[in-house]
């Protein structure tokens, strides 16, 4: 059964995603683009995200929609002083160390000390002078939620499956 996401406009999204490629499935956050034909592709890889039976978006946050914007600044200090709470964020940022110097979107975690870390690899962000967060969207804040497309009973099953998988892998000491 294909998930109906027709109510979402084409554009860039941060998504909480259940990927069923290996039958057991994996839960993760990533960036995705919906095109005009309503195809969802993972940002960076370009892979179709709803290709396997059971692939599901649990939540989606529009990153092209200014109404979902939590904070905007051209100064990191000013942005963190806007009372951003520790948690997971999608940000649009300028990496001064990037030769192309093009602002980009990335998922990051903000810690209690107002330090930003790359969500994917855990590296501290904004180590170069001139690096800055331009925009930020809180991903653990339900107030800017656009799509909650899974029945709560399904979500419990999905989370339990994921926890069982994690315990199994931990027992294997992988």
C-alpha atoms as a PDB file:
ATOM      1  CA  UNK A   1       0.000   0.000   0.000  1.00  0.00           C
ATOM      2  CA  UNK A   2       1.450   3.348  -1.091  1.00  0.00           C
ATOM      3  CA  UNK A   3       1.443   6.131   1.477  1.00  0.00           C
ATOM      4  CA  UNK A   4      -0.715   9.098   0.470  1.00  0.00           C
ATOM      5  CA  UNK A   5       1.278  12.296   0.856  1.00  0.00           C
ATOM      6  CA  UNK A   6      -0.596  14.292  -1.802  1.00  0.00           C
ATOM      7  CA  UNK A   7      -1.332  17.086   0.680  1.00  0.00           C
ATOM      8  CA  UNK A   8       2.369  17.994   0.826  1.00  0.00           C
ATOM      9  CA  UNK A   9       3.754  20.448  -1.725  1.00  0.00           C
ATOM     10  CA  UNK A  10       6.889  19.693  -3.773  1.00  0.00           C
ATOM     11  CA  UNK A  11      10.045  20.891  -2.049  1.00  0.00           C
ATOM     12  CA  UNK A  12      12.711  20.072   0.524  1.00  0.00           C
ATOM     13  CA  UNK A  13      11.705  18.330   3.771  1.00  0.00           C
ATOM     14  CA  UNK A  14      13.307  16.955   6.896  1.00  0.00           C
ATOM     15  CA  UNK A  15      11.605  13.591   7.491  1.00  0.00           C
ATOM     16  CA  UNK A  16      11.406  10.925  10.166  1.00  0.00           C
ATOM     17  CA  UNK A  17      11.385   7.808   8.020  1.00  0.00           C
ATOM     18  CA  UNK A  18      10.830   4.071   8.419  1.00  0.00           C
ATOM     19  CA  UNK A  19      12.864   2.235   5.748  1.00  0.00           C
ATOM     20  CA  UNK A  20      11.866  -1.396   5.066  1.00  0.00           C
ATOM     21  CA  UNK A  21      14.648  -2.349   2.651  1.00  0.00           C
ATOM     22  CA  UNK A  22      15.885  -5.147   4.935  1.00  0.00           C
ATOM     23  CA  UNK A  23      12.414  -6.433   5.978  1.00  0.00           C
ATOM     24  CA  UNK A  24      12.969  -5.494   9.657  1.00  0.00           C
ATOM     25  CA  UNK A  25      13.177  -1.810   8.865  1.00  0.00           C
ATOM     26  CA  UNK A  26      15.135   1.106  10.270  1.00  0.00           C
ATOM     27  CA  UNK A  27      13.963   4.415  11.748  1.00  0.00           C
ATOM     28  CA  UNK A  28      15.966   7.521  10.947  1.00  0.00           C
ATOM     29  CA  UNK A  29      15.876  11.231  10.213  1.00  0.00           C
ATOM     30  CA  UNK A  30      17.031  12.473   6.821  1.00  0.00           C
ATOM     31  CA  UNK A  31      16.484  15.190   4.234  1.00  0.00           C
ATOM     32  CA  UNK A  32      14.213  14.429   1.288  1.00  0.00           C
ATOM     33  CA  UNK A  33      12.890  16.214  -1.775  1.00  0.00           C
ATOM     34  CA  UNK A  34       9.428  15.738  -3.214  1.00  0.00           C
ATOM     35  CA  UNK A  35       9.293  16.553  -6.932  1.00  0.00           C
ATOM     36  CA  UNK A  36       6.331  17.759  -9.014  1.00  0.00           C
ATOM     37  CA  UNK A  37       5.385  14.112  -9.756  1.00  0.00           C
ATOM     38  CA  UNK A  38       5.192  13.443  -5.986  1.00  0.00           C
ATOM     39  CA  UNK A  39       8.264  11.200  -6.033  1.00  0.00           C
ATOM     40  CA  UNK A  40      10.308  11.353  -2.828  1.00  0.00           C
ATOM     41  CA  UNK A  41      14.086  11.200  -3.148  1.00  0.00           C
ATOM     42  CA  UNK A  42      16.686  11.203  -0.409  1.00  0.00           C
ATOM     43  CA  UNK A  43      18.694  14.414  -0.543  1.00  0.00           C
ATOM     44  CA  UNK A  44      22.289  13.648  -1.472  1.00  0.00           C
ATOM     45  CA  UNK A  45      21.763  10.117  -2.842  1.00  0.00           C
ATOM     46  CA  UNK A  46      18.741  10.762  -5.057  1.00  0.00           C
ATOM     47  CA  UNK A  47      17.292   7.345  -4.129  1.00  0.00           C
ATOM     48  CA  UNK A  48      13.526   6.791  -4.249  1.00  0.00           C
ATOM     49  CA  UNK A  49      12.457   6.688  -0.599  1.00  0.00           C
ATOM     50  CA  UNK A  50       9.126   4.859  -0.919  1.00  0.00           C
ATOM     51  CA  UNK A  51      10.289   1.973  -3.123  1.00  0.00           C
ATOM     52  CA  UNK A  52       9.910  -0.898  -0.620  1.00  0.00           C
ATOM     53  CA  UNK A  53       6.652  -2.211   0.769  1.00  0.00           C
ATOM     54  CA  UNK A  54       6.262  -0.715   4.240  1.00  0.00           C
ATOM     55  CA  UNK A  55       8.488   2.344   3.648  1.00  0.00           C
ATOM     56  CA  UNK A  56       6.751   5.119   5.576  1.00  0.00           C
ATOM     57  CA  UNK A  57       7.191   8.763   6.463  1.00  0.00           C
ATOM     58  CA  UNK A  58       6.293   9.189  10.119  1.00  0.00           C
ATOM     59  CA  UNK A  59       6.752  12.959  10.199  1.00  0.00           C
ATOM     60  CA  UNK A  60       7.750  15.639   7.710  1.00  0.00           C
ATOM     61  CA  UNK A  61       8.812  19.251   8.131  1.00  0.00           C
ATOM     62  CA  UNK A  62       8.815  21.578   5.100  1.00  0.00           C
ATOM     63  CA  UNK A  63      12.122  23.415   4.818  1.00  0.00           C
ATOM     64  CA  UNK A  64      10.954  25.614   1.940  1.00  0.00           C
ATOM     65  CA  UNK A  65       8.001  26.979   3.918  1.00  0.00           C
ATOM     66  CA  UNK A  66       8.769  30.097   5.965  1.00  0.00           C
ATOM     67  CA  UNK A  67       5.799  29.423   8.265  1.00  0.00           C
ATOM     68  CA  UNK A  68       7.680  26.449   9.752  1.00  0.00           C
ATOM     69  CA  UNK A  69      10.854  28.424  10.364  1.00  0.00           C
ATOM     70  CA  UNK A  70      11.823  28.480  14.035  1.00  0.00           C
ATOM     71  CA  UNK A  71      14.754  30.899  13.877  1.00  0.00           C
ATOM     72  CA  UNK A  72      16.623  32.907  11.285  1.00  0.00           C
ATOM     73  CA  UNK A  73      19.844  34.868  11.636  1.00  0.00           C
ATOM     74  CA  UNK A  74      23.077  35.815   9.964  1.00  0.00           C
ATOM     75  CA  UNK A  75      24.956  35.435  13.246  1.00  0.00           C
ATOM     76  CA  UNK A  76      25.437  32.183  15.215  1.00  0.00           C
ATOM     77  CA  UNK A  77      25.638  33.939  18.578  1.00  0.00           C
ATOM     78  CA  UNK A  78      22.414  35.807  17.897  1.00  0.00           C
ATOM     79  CA  UNK A  79      20.720  32.579  16.766  1.00  0.00           C
ATOM     80  CA  UNK A  80      21.649  30.580  19.861  1.00  0.00           C
ATOM     81  CA  UNK A  81      20.580  33.492  22.045  1.00  0.00           C
ATOM     82  CA  UNK A  82      17.083  33.151  20.560  1.00  0.00           C
ATOM     83  CA  UNK A  83      16.493  30.497  23.250  1.00  0.00           C
ATOM     84  CA  UNK A  84      16.851  27.455  21.035  1.00  0.00           C
ATOM     85  CA  UNK A  85      16.402  24.367  23.169  1.00  0.00           C
ATOM     86  CA  UNK A  86      18.772  21.395  22.957  1.00  0.00           C
ATOM     87  CA  UNK A  87      17.507  18.866  20.427  1.00  0.00           C
ATOM     88  CA  UNK A  88      17.432  17.821  16.795  1.00  0.00           C
ATOM     89  CA  UNK A  89      17.257  20.523  14.112  1.00  0.00           C
ATOM     90  CA  UNK A  90      17.307  20.883  10.365  1.00  0.00           C
ATOM     91  CA  UNK A  91      19.419  23.914   9.536  1.00  0.00           C
ATOM     92  CA  UNK A  92      20.326  25.928   6.479  1.00  0.00           C
ATOM     93  CA  UNK A  93      23.913  26.965   7.052  1.00  0.00           C
ATOM     94  CA  UNK A  94      26.930  28.557   5.462  1.00  0.00           C
ATOM     95  CA  UNK A  95      30.154  26.526   5.688  1.00  0.00           C
ATOM     96  CA  UNK A  96      33.020  28.984   5.213  1.00  0.00           C
ATOM     97  CA  UNK A  97      35.399  26.028   4.736  1.00  0.00           C
ATOM     98  CA  UNK A  98      33.421  24.771   1.711  1.00  0.00           C
ATOM     99  CA  UNK A  99      35.226  25.730  -1.523  1.00  0.00           C
ATOM    100  CA  UNK A 100      31.879  26.335  -3.250  1.00  0.00           C
ATOM    101  CA  UNK A 101      30.662  28.532  -0.376  1.00  0.00           C
ATOM    102  CA  UNK A 102      27.056  27.568  -1.090  1.00  0.00           C
ATOM    103  CA  UNK A 103      24.634  27.465   1.858  1.00  0.00           C
ATOM    104  CA  UNK A 104      23.289  23.948   2.423  1.00  0.00           C
ATOM    105  CA  UNK A 105      20.768  22.051   4.541  1.00  0.00           C
ATOM    106  CA  UNK A 106      21.863  19.497   7.146  1.00  0.00           C
ATOM    107  CA  UNK A 107      20.492  17.724  10.216  1.00  0.00           C
ATOM    108  CA  UNK A 108      22.219  18.697  13.467  1.00  0.00           C
ATOM    109  CA  UNK A 109      21.895  18.293  17.211  1.00  0.00           C
ATOM    110  CA  UNK A 110      22.150  21.277  19.557  1.00  0.00           C
ATOM    111  CA  UNK A 111      23.514  20.318  22.991  1.00  0.00           C
ATOM    112  CA  UNK A 112      23.014  21.927  26.419  1.00  0.00           C
ATOM    113  CA  UNK A 113      26.131  24.082  25.873  1.00  0.00           C
ATOM    114  CA  UNK A 114      24.696  25.533  22.628  1.00  0.00           C
ATOM    115  CA  UNK A 115      27.161  23.551  20.475  1.00  0.00           C
ATOM    116  CA  UNK A 116      25.988  22.129  17.160  1.00  0.00           C
ATOM    117  CA  UNK A 117      26.885  18.577  16.044  1.00  0.00           C
ATOM    118  CA  UNK A 118      26.340  16.881  12.681  1.00  0.00           C
ATOM    119  CA  UNK A 119      23.505  14.402  13.284  1.00  0.00           C
ATOM    120  CA  UNK A 120      24.938  11.843  10.865  1.00  0.00           C
ATOM    121  CA  UNK A 121      28.564  11.647  12.006  1.00  0.00           C
ATOM    122  CA  UNK A 122      28.617  13.403  15.409  1.00  0.00           C
ATOM    123  CA  UNK A 123      31.261  15.959  14.416  1.00  0.00           C
ATOM    124  CA  UNK A 124      31.121  19.400  15.995  1.00  0.00           C
ATOM    125  CA  UNK A 125      29.940  22.046  13.553  1.00  0.00           C
ATOM    126  CA  UNK A 126      30.999  25.652  13.011  1.00  0.00           C
ATOM    127  CA  UNK A 127      34.692  25.268  13.705  1.00  0.00           C
ATOM    128  CA  UNK A 128      35.768  27.754  10.986  1.00  0.00           C
ATOM    129  CA  UNK A 129      35.467  31.498  11.320  1.00  0.00           C
ATOM    130  CA  UNK A 130      32.563  32.668   9.201  1.00  0.00           C
ATOM    131  CA  UNK A 131      30.536  29.433   9.512  1.00  0.00           C
ATOM    132  CA  UNK A 132      26.960  30.342  10.412  1.00  0.00           C
ATOM    133  CA  UNK A 133      23.443  29.020  10.806  1.00  0.00           C
ATOM    134  CA  UNK A 134      21.098  30.920   8.515  1.00  0.00           C
ATOM    135  CA  UNK A 135      17.832  29.176   9.433  1.00  0.00           C
ATOM    136  CA  UNK A 136      16.771  26.507  11.933  1.00  0.00           C
ATOM    137  CA  UNK A 137      13.774  24.175  12.240  1.00  0.00           C
ATOM    138  CA  UNK A 138      13.224  22.159  15.449  1.00  0.00           C
ATOM    139  CA  UNK A 139      12.473  18.534  14.515  1.00  0.00           C
ATOM    140  CA  UNK A 140      11.350  17.397  17.937  1.00  0.00           C
ATOM    141  CA  UNK A 141       8.803  20.194  18.234  1.00  0.00           C
ATOM    142  CA  UNK A 142       5.331  18.984  17.225  1.00  0.00           C
ATOM    143  CA  UNK A 143       4.111  22.533  16.623  1.00  0.00           C
ATOM    144  CA  UNK A 144       5.681  22.684  13.158  1.00  0.00           C
ATOM    145  CA  UNK A 145       4.680  19.183  12.140  1.00  0.00           C
ATOM    146  CA  UNK A 146       3.256  18.939   8.617  1.00  0.00           C
ATOM    147  CA  UNK A 147       2.636  15.239   8.184  1.00  0.00           C
ATOM    148  CA  UNK A 148       1.899  12.694  10.847  1.00  0.00           C
ATOM    149  CA  UNK A 149       0.883   9.884   8.565  1.00  0.00           C
ATOM    150  CA  UNK A 150       1.103   6.788  10.723  1.00  0.00           C
ATOM    151  CA  UNK A 151      -1.579   5.366  12.981  1.00  0.00           C
ATOM    152  CA  UNK A 152      -0.249   5.408  16.595  1.00  0.00           C
ATOM    153  CA  UNK A 153      -0.670   1.627  16.879  1.00  0.00           C
ATOM    154  CA  UNK A 154       1.553   1.179  13.809  1.00  0.00           C
ATOM    155  CA  UNK A 155       4.142   3.508  15.310  1.00  0.00           C
ATOM    156  CA  UNK A 156       4.304   1.412  18.485  1.00  0.00           C
ATOM    157  CA  UNK A 157       4.876  -1.707  16.361  1.00  0.00           C
ATOM    158  CA  UNK A 158       7.575   0.057  14.331  1.00  0.00           C
ATOM    159  CA  UNK A 159       9.392   1.340  17.426  1.00  0.00           C
ATOM    160  CA  UNK A 160       9.179  -2.069  19.124  1.00  0.00           C
ATOM    161  CA  UNK A 161      10.599  -3.729  15.988  1.00  0.00           C
ATOM    162  CA  UNK A 162      13.447  -1.245  15.929  1.00  0.00           C
ATOM    163  CA  UNK A 163      14.187  -1.754  19.662  1.00  0.00           C
ATOM    164  CA  UNK A 164      14.221  -5.544  19.212  1.00  0.00           C
ATOM    165  CA  UNK A 165      16.596  -5.156  16.253  1.00  0.00           C
ATOM    166  CA  UNK A 166      18.904  -2.897  18.308  1.00  0.00           C
ATOM    167  CA  UNK A 167      18.978  -5.372  21.226  1.00  0.00           C
ATOM    168  CA  UNK A 168      19.709  -8.230  18.818  1.00  0.00           C
ATOM    169  CA  UNK A 169      22.624  -6.327  17.278  1.00  0.00           C
ATOM    170  CA  UNK A 170      23.903  -5.390  20.745  1.00  0.00           C
ATOM    171  CA  UNK A 171      23.804  -9.064  21.768  1.00  0.00           C
ATOM    172  CA  UNK A 172      25.884  -9.889  18.689  1.00  0.00           C
ATOM    173  CA  UNK A 173      28.358  -7.230  19.847  1.00  0.00           C
ATOM    174  CA  UNK A 174      28.456  -5.587  16.407  1.00  0.00           C
END
